[in-house]
Protein backbone atom coordinates (compact mmCIF):
# COMPACT_ATOMS: atom_id res chain seq x y z
CA UNK A 1 103.84 99.57 64.95
CA UNK A 2 104.62 101.82 62.27
CA UNK A 3 102.42 104.28 63.62
CA UNK A 4 104.59 104.66 66.68
CA UNK A 5 107.59 104.39 64.46
CA UNK A 6 106.46 107.53 62.35
CA UNK A 7 105.66 109.31 65.89
CA UNK A 8 109.24 108.50 66.94
CA UNK A 9 110.75 109.46 63.61
CA UNK A 10 108.81 113.06 63.79
CA UNK A 11 110.14 113.93 67.21
CA UNK A 12 113.61 113.23 66.12
CA UNK A 13 113.25 115.39 63.24
CA UNK A 14 112.15 118.41 65.63
CA UNK A 15 115.33 117.98 67.46
CA UNK A 16 117.15 117.62 64.32
CA UNK A 17 115.93 120.62 62.71
CA UNK A 18 116.46 123.65 65.39
CA UNK A 19 113.49 126.20 65.49
CA UNK A 20 113.89 129.18 63.11
CA UNK A 21 114.18 131.24 65.73
CA UNK A 22 118.00 130.28 66.52
CA UNK A 23 118.99 130.46 62.55
CA UNK A 24 119.74 133.99 62.46
CA UNK A 25 122.53 133.14 65.62
CA UNK A 26 123.95 130.34 63.53
CA UNK A 27 123.85 132.25 60.37
CA UNK A 28 125.50 135.25 62.40
CA UNK A 29 128.14 132.78 63.73
CA UNK A 30 128.88 131.15 60.19
CA UNK A 31 129.47 134.55 58.72
CA UNK A 32 131.86 135.08 61.77
CA UNK A 33 133.51 131.86 61.57
CA UNK A 34 134.20 132.28 57.84
CA UNK A 35 135.53 135.54 57.82
CA UNK A 36 137.93 134.38 60.60
CA UNK A 37 138.87 131.99 58.16
CA UNK A 38 139.39 133.84 55.95
CA UNK A 39 141.86 136.04 57.88
CA UNK A 40 143.77 132.87 58.47
CA UNK A 41 144.16 131.86 55.20
CA UNK A 42 145.59 135.51 54.38
CA UNK A 43 148.13 135.13 56.97
CA UNK A 44 149.10 131.62 56.39
CA UNK A 45 148.60 131.47 52.78
CA UNK A 46 150.85 128.18 52.34
CA UNK A 47 148.47 126.08 54.90
CA UNK A 48 145.29 127.38 52.78
């Protein structure tokens, strides 16, 4: 019984952790969002 649970857990983990090929795109998106948030904070310092 625990064997199928561990196989299921590994498959779910594969779904949760994306392959490394997508990490570059995500990092670029994260950098873009951070820079946009910084620009918003500069324009609206009272709401930062």
